[in-house]
Amino acid sequence: MGPAYEERLHDAGISTVSQLAAADPAALAERLGISGSRVSSWVEQAQQLSSYFAHRAVPLRAVPMTSTTVPM
């Protein structure tokens, strides 16, 4: 995820991995005006990362998200 998308998410009230993990992908995609599949991928990755970073408010910028890789 690049800085432009990060800024758009922040403007939508999402600034941490756990907030993204809890988001409704369809509603967020509509609000951001971007592909639902892209947002679904981000949300899925954030859900996986949430358990890895349990109980820490990890900023989106701190974790690189791609369409293919999730650190474990």
PDB file of N, CA and C in Angstrom:
ATOM      1  N   MET A   1       0.856  -1.167   0.000  1.00  0.00           N
ATOM      2  CA  MET A   1       0.000   0.000   0.000  1.00  0.00           C
ATOM      3  C   MET A   1       0.901   1.229   0.000  1.00  0.00           C
ATOM      4  N   GLY A   2       0.623   2.112  -0.901  1.00  0.00           N
ATOM      5  CA  GLY A   2       1.423   3.321  -1.001  1.00  0.00           C
ATOM      6  C   GLY A   2       0.864   4.458  -0.161  1.00  0.00           C
ATOM      7  N   PRO A   3       1.599   5.549  -0.119  1.00  0.00           N
ATOM      8  CA  PRO A   3       1.201   6.683   0.714  1.00  0.00           C
ATOM      9  C   PRO A   3      -0.134   7.306   0.300  1.00  0.00           C
ATOM     10  N   ALA A   4      -0.468   7.272  -0.976  1.00  0.00           N
ATOM     11  CA  ALA A   4      -1.735   7.872  -1.408  1.00  0.00           C
ATOM     12  C   ALA A   4      -2.923   7.099  -0.842  1.00  0.00           C
ATOM     13  N   TYR A   5      -2.872   5.777  -0.912  1.00  0.00           N
ATOM     14  CA  TYR A   5      -3.952   4.964  -0.347  1.00  0.00           C
ATOM     15  C   TYR A   5      -3.961   5.059   1.175  1.00  0.00           C
ATOM     16  N   GLU A   6      -2.788   5.097   1.766  1.00  0.00           N
ATOM     17  CA  GLU A   6      -2.715   5.247   3.223  1.00  0.00           C
ATOM     18  C   GLU A   6      -3.413   6.542   3.650  1.00  0.00           C
ATOM     19  N   GLU A   7      -3.168   7.620   2.910  1.00  0.00           N
ATOM     20  CA  GLU A   7      -3.797   8.901   3.235  1.00  0.00           C
ATOM     21  C   GLU A   7      -5.316   8.826   3.068  1.00  0.00           C
ATOM     22  N   ARG A   8      -5.757   8.159   2.021  1.00  0.00           N
ATOM     23  CA  ARG A   8      -7.199   8.022   1.804  1.00  0.00           C
ATOM     24  C   ARG A   8      -7.839   7.205   2.921  1.00  0.00           C
ATOM     25  N   LEU A   9      -7.168   6.151   3.358  1.00  0.00           N
ATOM     26  CA  LEU A   9      -7.687   5.364   4.477  1.00  0.00           C
ATOM     27  C   LEU A   9      -7.729   6.208   5.748  1.00  0.00           C
ATOM     28  N   HIS A  10      -6.689   6.970   5.977  1.00  0.00           N
ATOM     29  CA  HIS A  10      -6.642   7.837   7.156  1.00  0.00           C
ATOM     30  C   HIS A  10      -7.802   8.841   7.121  1.00  0.00           C
ATOM     31  N   ASP A  11      -8.055   9.402   5.966  1.00  0.00           N
ATOM     32  CA  ASP A  11      -9.170  10.341   5.820  1.00  0.00           C
ATOM     33  C   ASP A  11     -10.512   9.666   6.091  1.00  0.00           C
ATOM     34  N   ALA A  12     -10.565   8.341   5.871  1.00  0.00           N
ATOM     35  CA  ALA A  12     -11.785   7.567   6.131  1.00  0.00           C
ATOM     36  C   ALA A  12     -11.848   7.080   7.575  1.00  0.00           C
ATOM     37  N   GLY A  13     -10.853   7.486   8.396  1.00  0.00           N
ATOM     38  CA  GLY A  13     -10.853   7.120   9.808  1.00  0.00           C
ATOM     39  C   GLY A  13     -10.119   5.838  10.132  1.00  0.00           C
ATOM     40  N   ILE A  14      -9.337   5.341   9.190  1.00  0.00           N
ATOM     41  CA  ILE A  14      -8.586   4.102   9.414  1.00  0.00           C
ATOM     42  C   ILE A  14      -7.103   4.416   9.385  1.00  0.00           C
ATOM     43  N   SER A  15      -6.454   4.249  10.549  1.00  0.00           N
ATOM     44  CA  SER A  15      -5.027   4.559  10.621  1.00  0.00           C
ATOM     45  C   SER A  15      -4.211   3.422  11.218  1.00  0.00           C
ATOM     46  N   THR A  16      -4.867   2.345  11.655  1.00  0.00           N
ATOM     47  CA  THR A  16      -4.133   1.205  12.214  1.00  0.00           C
ATOM     48  C   THR A  16      -4.552  -0.079  11.514  1.00  0.00           C
ATOM     49  N   VAL A  17      -3.708  -1.090  11.644  1.00  0.00           N
ATOM     50  CA  VAL A  17      -3.989  -2.397  11.061  1.00  0.00           C
ATOM     51  C   VAL A  17      -5.272  -2.975  11.657  1.00  0.00           C
ATOM     52  N   SER A  18      -5.473  -2.847  12.957  1.00  0.00           N
ATOM     53  CA  SER A  18      -6.672  -3.411  13.580  1.00  0.00           C
ATOM     54  C   SER A  18      -7.943  -2.706  13.100  1.00  0.00           C
ATOM     55  N   GLN A  19      -7.882  -1.416  12.841  1.00  0.00           N
ATOM     56  CA  GLN A  19      -9.044  -0.705  12.301  1.00  0.00           C
ATOM     57  C   GLN A  19      -9.365  -1.207  10.894  1.00  0.00           C
ATOM     58  N   LEU A  20      -8.338  -1.421  10.098  1.00  0.00           N
ATOM     59  CA  LEU A  20      -8.546  -1.941   8.752  1.00  0.00           C
ATOM     60  C   LEU A  20      -9.100  -3.359   8.809  1.00  0.00           C
ATOM     61  N   ALA A  21      -8.601  -4.166   9.735  1.00  0.00           N
ATOM     62  CA  ALA A  21      -9.073  -5.547   9.881  1.00  0.00           C
ATOM     63  C   ALA A  21     -10.556  -5.602  10.227  1.00  0.00           C
ATOM     64  N   ALA A  22     -11.047  -4.604  10.939  1.00  0.00           N
ATOM     65  CA  ALA A  22     -12.445  -4.576  11.369  1.00  0.00           C
ATOM     66  C   ALA A  22     -13.368  -3.919  10.342  1.00  0.00           C
ATOM     67  N   ALA A  23     -12.818  -3.380   9.295  1.00  0.00           N
ATOM     68  CA  ALA A  23     -13.609  -2.650   8.314  1.00  0.00           C
ATOM     69  C   ALA A  23     -14.440  -3.578   7.434  1.00  0.00           C
ATOM     70  N   ASP A  24     -15.565  -3.062   6.973  1.00  0.00           N
ATOM     71  CA  ASP A  24     -16.390  -3.768   5.991  1.00  0.00           C
ATOM     72  C   ASP A  24     -15.811  -3.449   4.611  1.00  0.00           C
ATOM     73  N   PRO A  25     -15.284  -4.460   3.910  1.00  0.00           N
ATOM     74  CA  PRO A  25     -14.600  -4.187   2.635  1.00  0.00           C
ATOM     75  C   PRO A  25     -15.473  -3.482   1.603  1.00  0.00           C
ATOM     76  N   ALA A  26     -16.724  -3.907   1.459  1.00  0.00           N
ATOM     77  CA  ALA A  26     -17.592  -3.309   0.447  1.00  0.00           C
ATOM     78  C   ALA A  26     -17.885  -1.840   0.766  1.00  0.00           C
ATOM     79  N   ALA A  27     -18.201  -1.565   2.015  1.00  0.00           N
ATOM     80  CA  ALA A  27     -18.504  -0.188   2.412  1.00  0.00           C
ATOM     81  C   ALA A  27     -17.271   0.701   2.279  1.00  0.00           C
ATOM     82  N   LEU A  28     -16.117   0.165   2.671  1.00  0.00           N
ATOM     83  CA  LEU A  28     -14.888   0.954   2.583  1.00  0.00           C
ATOM     84  C   LEU A  28     -14.511   1.218   1.130  1.00  0.00           C
ATOM     85  N   ALA A  29     -14.654   0.209   0.274  1.00  0.00           N
ATOM     86  CA  ALA A  29     -14.346   0.388  -1.149  1.00  0.00           C
ATOM     87  C   ALA A  29     -15.229   1.461  -1.753  1.00  0.00           C
ATOM     88  N   GLU A  30     -16.503   1.441  -1.394  1.00  0.00           N
ATOM     89  CA  GLU A  30     -17.420   2.455  -1.917  1.00  0.00           C
ATOM     90  C   GLU A  30     -17.031   3.844  -1.411  1.00  0.00           C
ATOM     91  N   ARG A  31     -16.711   3.924  -0.137  1.00  0.00           N
ATOM     92  CA  ARG A  31     -16.339   5.222   0.444  1.00  0.00           C
ATOM     93  C   ARG A  31     -15.061   5.780  -0.193  1.00  0.00           C
ATOM     94  N   LEU A  32     -14.100   4.874  -0.481  1.00  0.00           N
ATOM     95  CA  LEU A  32     -12.830   5.307  -1.054  1.00  0.00           C
ATOM     96  C   LEU A  32     -12.894   5.458  -2.571  1.00  0.00           C
ATOM     97  N   GLY A  33     -13.906   4.848  -3.182  1.00  0.00           N
ATOM     98  CA  GLY A  33     -14.025   4.904  -4.633  1.00  0.00           C
ATOM     99  C   GLY A  33     -12.988   4.065  -5.348  1.00  0.00           C
ATOM    100  N   ILE A  34     -12.643   2.919  -4.730  1.00  0.00           N
ATOM    101  CA  ILE A  34     -11.664   2.021  -5.356  1.00  0.00           C
ATOM    102  C   ILE A  34     -12.216   0.601  -5.404  1.00  0.00           C
ATOM    103  N   SER A  35     -11.507  -0.261  -6.071  1.00  0.00           N
ATOM    104  CA  SER A  35     -11.916  -1.638  -6.295  1.00  0.00           C
ATOM    105  C   SER A  35     -12.209  -2.393  -4.998  1.00  0.00           C
ATOM    106  N   GLY A  36     -13.341  -3.075  -4.988  1.00  0.00           N
ATOM    107  CA  GLY A  36     -13.690  -3.897  -3.834  1.00  0.00           C
ATOM    108  C   GLY A  36     -12.708  -5.023  -3.622  1.00  0.00           C
ATOM    109  N   SER A  37     -12.169  -5.578  -4.696  1.00  0.00           N
ATOM    110  CA  SER A  37     -11.204  -6.675  -4.546  1.00  0.00           C
ATOM    111  C   SER A  37      -9.904  -6.181  -3.911  1.00  0.00           C
ATOM    112  N   ARG A  38      -9.505  -4.960  -4.239  1.00  0.00           N
ATOM    113  CA  ARG A  38      -8.290  -4.390  -3.635  1.00  0.00           C
ATOM    114  C   ARG A  38      -8.500  -4.203  -2.131  1.00  0.00           C
ATOM    115  N   VAL A  39      -9.631  -3.618  -1.763  1.00  0.00           N
ATOM    116  CA  VAL A  39      -9.914  -3.377  -0.350  1.00  0.00           C
ATOM    117  C   VAL A  39     -10.083  -4.692   0.388  1.00  0.00           C
ATOM    118  N   SER A  40     -10.744  -5.676  -0.220  1.00  0.00           N
ATOM    119  CA  SER A  40     -10.897  -6.991   0.412  1.00  0.00           C
ATOM    120  C   SER A  40      -9.540  -7.619   0.700  1.00  0.00           C
ATOM    121  N   SER A  41      -8.618  -7.471  -0.231  1.00  0.00           N
ATOM    122  CA  SER A  41      -7.268  -7.999  -0.030  1.00  0.00           C
ATOM    123  C   SER A  41      -6.590  -7.317   1.155  1.00  0.00           C
ATOM    124  N   TRP A  42      -6.714  -6.006   1.239  1.00  0.00           N
ATOM    125  CA  TRP A  42      -6.133  -5.277   2.367  1.00  0.00           C
ATOM    126  C   TRP A  42      -6.741  -5.731   3.686  1.00  0.00           C
ATOM    127  N   VAL A  43      -8.066  -5.870   3.718  1.00  0.00           N
ATOM    128  CA  VAL A  43      -8.754  -6.259   4.953  1.00  0.00           C
ATOM    129  C   VAL A  43      -8.331  -7.666   5.360  1.00  0.00           C
ATOM    130  N   GLU A  44      -8.246  -8.591   4.406  1.00  0.00           N
ATOM    131  CA  GLU A  44      -7.807  -9.958   4.716  1.00  0.00           C
ATOM    132  C   GLU A  44      -6.395  -9.960   5.289  1.00  0.00           C
ATOM    133  N   GLN A  45      -5.507  -9.204   4.671  1.00  0.00           N
ATOM    134  CA  GLN A  45      -4.131  -9.130   5.170  1.00  0.00           C
ATOM    135  C   GLN A  45      -4.099  -8.511   6.569  1.00  0.00           C
ATOM    136  N   ALA A  46      -4.884  -7.481   6.766  1.00  0.00           N
ATOM    137  CA  ALA A  46      -4.933  -6.825   8.074  1.00  0.00           C
ATOM    138  C   ALA A  46      -5.468  -7.779   9.135  1.00  0.00           C
ATOM    139  N   GLN A  47      -6.440  -8.609   8.780  1.00  0.00           N
ATOM    140  CA  GLN A  47      -6.961  -9.583   9.732  1.00  0.00           C
ATOM    141  C   GLN A  47      -5.891 -10.595  10.126  1.00  0.00           C
ATOM    142  N   GLN A  48      -5.114 -11.037   9.161  1.00  0.00           N
ATOM    143  CA  GLN A  48      -4.016 -11.960   9.457  1.00  0.00           C
ATOM    144  C   GLN A  48      -2.954 -11.281  10.320  1.00  0.00           C
ATOM    145  N   LEU A  49      -2.654 -10.045  10.001  1.00  0.00           N
ATOM    146  CA  LEU A  49      -1.633  -9.316  10.741  1.00  0.00           C
ATOM    147  C   LEU A  49      -2.099  -8.930  12.142  1.00  0.00           C
ATOM    148  N   SER A  50      -3.391  -8.750  12.318  1.00  0.00           N
ATOM    149  CA  SER A  50      -3.922  -8.356  13.629  1.00  0.00           C
ATOM    150  C   SER A  50      -3.568  -9.375  14.703  1.00  0.00           C
ATOM    151  N   SER A  51      -3.655 -10.648  14.365  1.00  0.00           N
ATOM    152  CA  SER A  51      -3.297 -11.656  15.357  1.00  0.00           C
ATOM    153  C   SER A  51      -1.795 -11.652  15.619  1.00  0.00           C
ATOM    154  N   TYR A  52      -1.018 -11.343  14.597  1.00  0.00           N
ATOM    155  CA  TYR A  52       0.433 -11.274  14.741  1.00  0.00           C
ATOM    156  C   TYR A  52       0.848 -10.108  15.642  1.00  0.00           C
ATOM    157  N   PHE A  53       0.159  -8.984  15.504  1.00  0.00           N
ATOM    158  CA  PHE A  53       0.465  -7.792  16.278  1.00  0.00           C
ATOM    159  C   PHE A  53      -0.540  -7.580  17.404  1.00  0.00           C
ATOM    160  N   ALA A  54      -1.025  -8.649  17.975  1.00  0.00           N
ATOM    161  CA  ALA A  54      -2.097  -8.582  18.975  1.00  0.00           C
ATOM    162  C   ALA A  54      -1.841  -7.500  20.023  1.00  0.00           C
ATOM    163  N   HIS A  55      -2.880  -6.724  20.279  1.00  0.00           N
ATOM    164  CA  HIS A  55      -2.913  -5.709  21.337  1.00  0.00           C
ATOM    165  C   HIS A  55      -1.961  -4.544  21.133  1.00  0.00           C
ATOM    166  N   ARG A  56      -1.542  -4.302  19.892  1.00  0.00           N
ATOM    167  CA  ARG A  56      -0.729  -3.116  19.607  1.00  0.00           C
ATOM    168  C   ARG A  56      -1.393  -2.347  18.477  1.00  0.00           C
ATOM    169  N   ALA A  57      -1.455  -1.066  18.608  1.00  0.00           N
ATOM    170  CA  ALA A  57      -2.011  -0.218  17.550  1.00  0.00           C
ATOM    171  C   ALA A  57      -0.909   0.054  16.532  1.00  0.00           C
ATOM    172  N   VAL A  58      -0.803  -0.810  15.547  1.00  0.00           N
ATOM    173  CA  VAL A  58       0.254  -0.704  14.551  1.00  0.00           C
ATOM    174  C   VAL A  58      -0.227   0.186  13.405  1.00  0.00           C
ATOM    175  N   PRO A  59       0.489   1.289  13.149  1.00  0.00           N
ATOM    176  CA  PRO A  59       0.099   2.167  12.047  1.00  0.00           C
ATOM    177  C   PRO A  59       0.194   1.434  10.716  1.00  0.00           C
ATOM    178  N   LEU A  60      -0.679   1.770   9.793  1.00  0.00           N
ATOM    179  CA  LEU A  60      -0.653   1.142   8.475  1.00  0.00           C
ATOM    180  C   LEU A  60       0.713   1.297   7.814  1.00  0.00           C
ATOM    181  N   ARG A  61       1.327   2.445   7.988  1.00  0.00           N
ATOM    182  CA  ARG A  61       2.622   2.714   7.365  1.00  0.00           C
ATOM    183  C   ARG A  61       3.701   1.726   7.826  1.00  0.00           C
ATOM    184  N   ALA A  62       3.548   1.174   9.018  1.00  0.00           N
ATOM    185  CA  ALA A  62       4.567   0.293   9.580  1.00  0.00           C
ATOM    186  C   ALA A  62       4.569  -1.100   8.966  1.00  0.00           C
ATOM    187  N   VAL A  63       3.509  -1.445   8.237  1.00  0.00           N
ATOM    188  CA  VAL A  63       3.393  -2.792   7.695  1.00  0.00           C
ATOM    189  C   VAL A  63       3.131  -2.711   6.197  1.00  0.00           C
ATOM    190  N   PRO A  64       4.085  -3.187   5.399  1.00  0.00           N
ATOM    191  CA  PRO A  64       3.851  -3.158   3.952  1.00  0.00           C
ATOM    192  C   PRO A  64       2.796  -4.191   3.570  1.00  0.00           C
ATOM    193  N   MET A  65       1.771  -3.760   2.847  1.00  0.00           N
ATOM    194  CA  MET A  65       0.736  -4.674   2.382  1.00  0.00           C
ATOM    195  C   MET A  65       0.789  -4.740   0.878  1.00  0.00           C
ATOM    196  N   THR A  66       0.738  -5.951   0.376  1.00  0.00           N
ATOM    197  CA  THR A  66       0.712  -6.155  -1.067  1.00  0.00           C
ATOM    198  C   THR A  66      -0.448  -7.070  -1.388  1.00  0.00           C
ATOM    199  N   SER A  67      -0.621  -7.347  -2.636  1.00  0.00           N
ATOM    200  CA  SER A  67      -1.693  -8.256  -3.011  1.00  0.00           C
ATOM    201  C   SER A  67      -1.255  -9.708  -2.898  1.00  0.00           C
ATOM    202  N   THR A  68       0.019  -9.978  -2.596  1.00  0.00           N
ATOM    203  CA  THR A  68       0.480 -11.360  -2.601  1.00  0.00           C
ATOM    204  C   THR A  68       1.181 -11.823  -1.340  1.00  0.00           C
ATOM    205  N   THR A  69       1.699 -10.933  -0.514  1.00  0.00           N
ATOM    206  CA  THR A  69       2.483 -11.392   0.619  1.00  0.00           C
ATOM    207  C   THR A  69       1.981 -10.860   1.941  1.00  0.00           C
ATOM    208  N   VAL A  70       2.059 -11.709   2.934  1.00  0.00           N
ATOM    209  CA  VAL A  70       1.731 -11.327   4.310  1.00  0.00           C
ATOM    210  C   VAL A  70       2.815 -11.891   5.202  1.00  0.00           C
ATOM    211  N   PRO A  71       3.545 -11.043   5.944  1.00  0.00           N
ATOM    212  CA  PRO A  71       4.591 -11.570   6.821  1.00  0.00           C
ATOM    213  C   PRO A  71       3.997 -12.396   7.946  1.00  0.00           C
ATOM    214  N   MET A  72       4.633 -13.476   8.269  1.00  0.00           N
ATOM    215  CA  MET A  72       4.163 -14.341   9.364  1.00  0.00           C
ATOM    216  C   MET A  72       5.282 -14.621  10.316  1.00  0.00           C
TER     217      MET A  72
END
